[in-house]
Amino acid sequence: MKRYFLLVLTCLLTTVHNSKAQSAWTKVQEEFLFQDAPFGQCHASTLVETSEGKLLVAWFGGSAEGKSDVDIWLSVLDANGTTKPVPVANGIINDSLRYPTWNPVLFKAQAGPLFLFYKVGPNPREWWGMVKRSEDDGQTWSEAKRLPAGILGPIKNKPVQLADGTILSPSSVEERTDRWKVHIEKSGDGGKTWQHIPVDPESEFDVIQPSILFHSNKRLQILCRSKQGRVVQAWSSDGGNTWGKLSETRLLNPNAGTDAVTLKDGKQLIVYNPDVPGKDWFNGRGKLHVATSKNGRRWKDIVVLENGKEEEYSYPAVIQTSDSLVHITYTYDRKNIKHVVLRQEAL
């Protein structure tokens, strides 16, 4: 399938300065994942690097978000191009009942299978978690399995794995009372069983869709989408077993999904919409930026991915691959999934 590249061959987009060193981030590739979509709308992408160095990208697509024809779709990106999207999961219950699917999350364990987590249900207040596994880097998938009661799987963003093999899955619930709460789901046996760990459940903040970051001295940080106009954080000093109070960061958030990753050099990177909430839930998603931080508290924008107004550039996913490139995918106005590659240069 023909790929659309917007190669940036000249200027460095931005330069990050500090007292000890200088570096710059270059946008080295941009592309759309498909030309003729087999669905009306698409949203909520996720990506993972396979053991062979390929990228898998998944998202949900159908006539519109929340419709029963919404399936989970997947493409493979490698040196030969991008494969045609194929459906890999659906919400079929029986011959007469079918629910939409939601928010896929791909995750490759250090030693174990490739996971595809996703949700099925009529809406985010009533959905449940599902999982498929692949032993061949996504060429084939197991039968879908429903996660245990009270376990939803990663809600939007990728799990992380600790040095001892423990998997921490960032999750959240949208309650029928309209409260939003984040939590962590922990597995010490490769994803066979899970433990629910609350994060400041009595907080006044309404938060969902956390990302997990690594800091020095084995500290962890989560960054969350919120209704309060800011990215909200919490910290753990014991490997994610307990968490402190939720608090605001300086990062704006228009009630839109973010994603973040700890880079190989120890810096933190977030992709987010730098705007305030509007009248409607979709307001504020026209601008999409990348920011970095040394300590998870002071953030500096380094790249502008999109600078729109009424469009929707949202729900980013970000990873750093084995070659140190940063790969980002995100919803492009519900019409496509855009893939951007960043490279850090020392000056």
Foldseek 3Di string as FASTA:
>chain_A
DDKDKDADDDDFFFKDDDDPFIKTKRFGIKIFQDDDDPACFWFQKEWDADPVGKIKIKTWGHPDPLDQRIFIWIWIQDPVGIDDIDGDGFQDPDPVDGTHKHAWYWDDFPPDWIKIKIWTDNDQQPIFIKIWTDPPRPPDIDDIDTADPPDRFARRAYWDADPLGKIKHWFWGQHPVRAIFIWIWIDPPNPPDTDTGGEQVVDPWRWTRWEWEAAPQRKIKIWTQTCPQFTKMWIDNPNRNYIDHIDGAPATAQSAHKYKYQAPVRKIKIKGQRDHHDPDSQARQQWIFMWIGNGVRDIDTRHTPGDGGNAHWGNKYWDQDPVRKIWIWTGGRRRTIMIIIMDMGTD
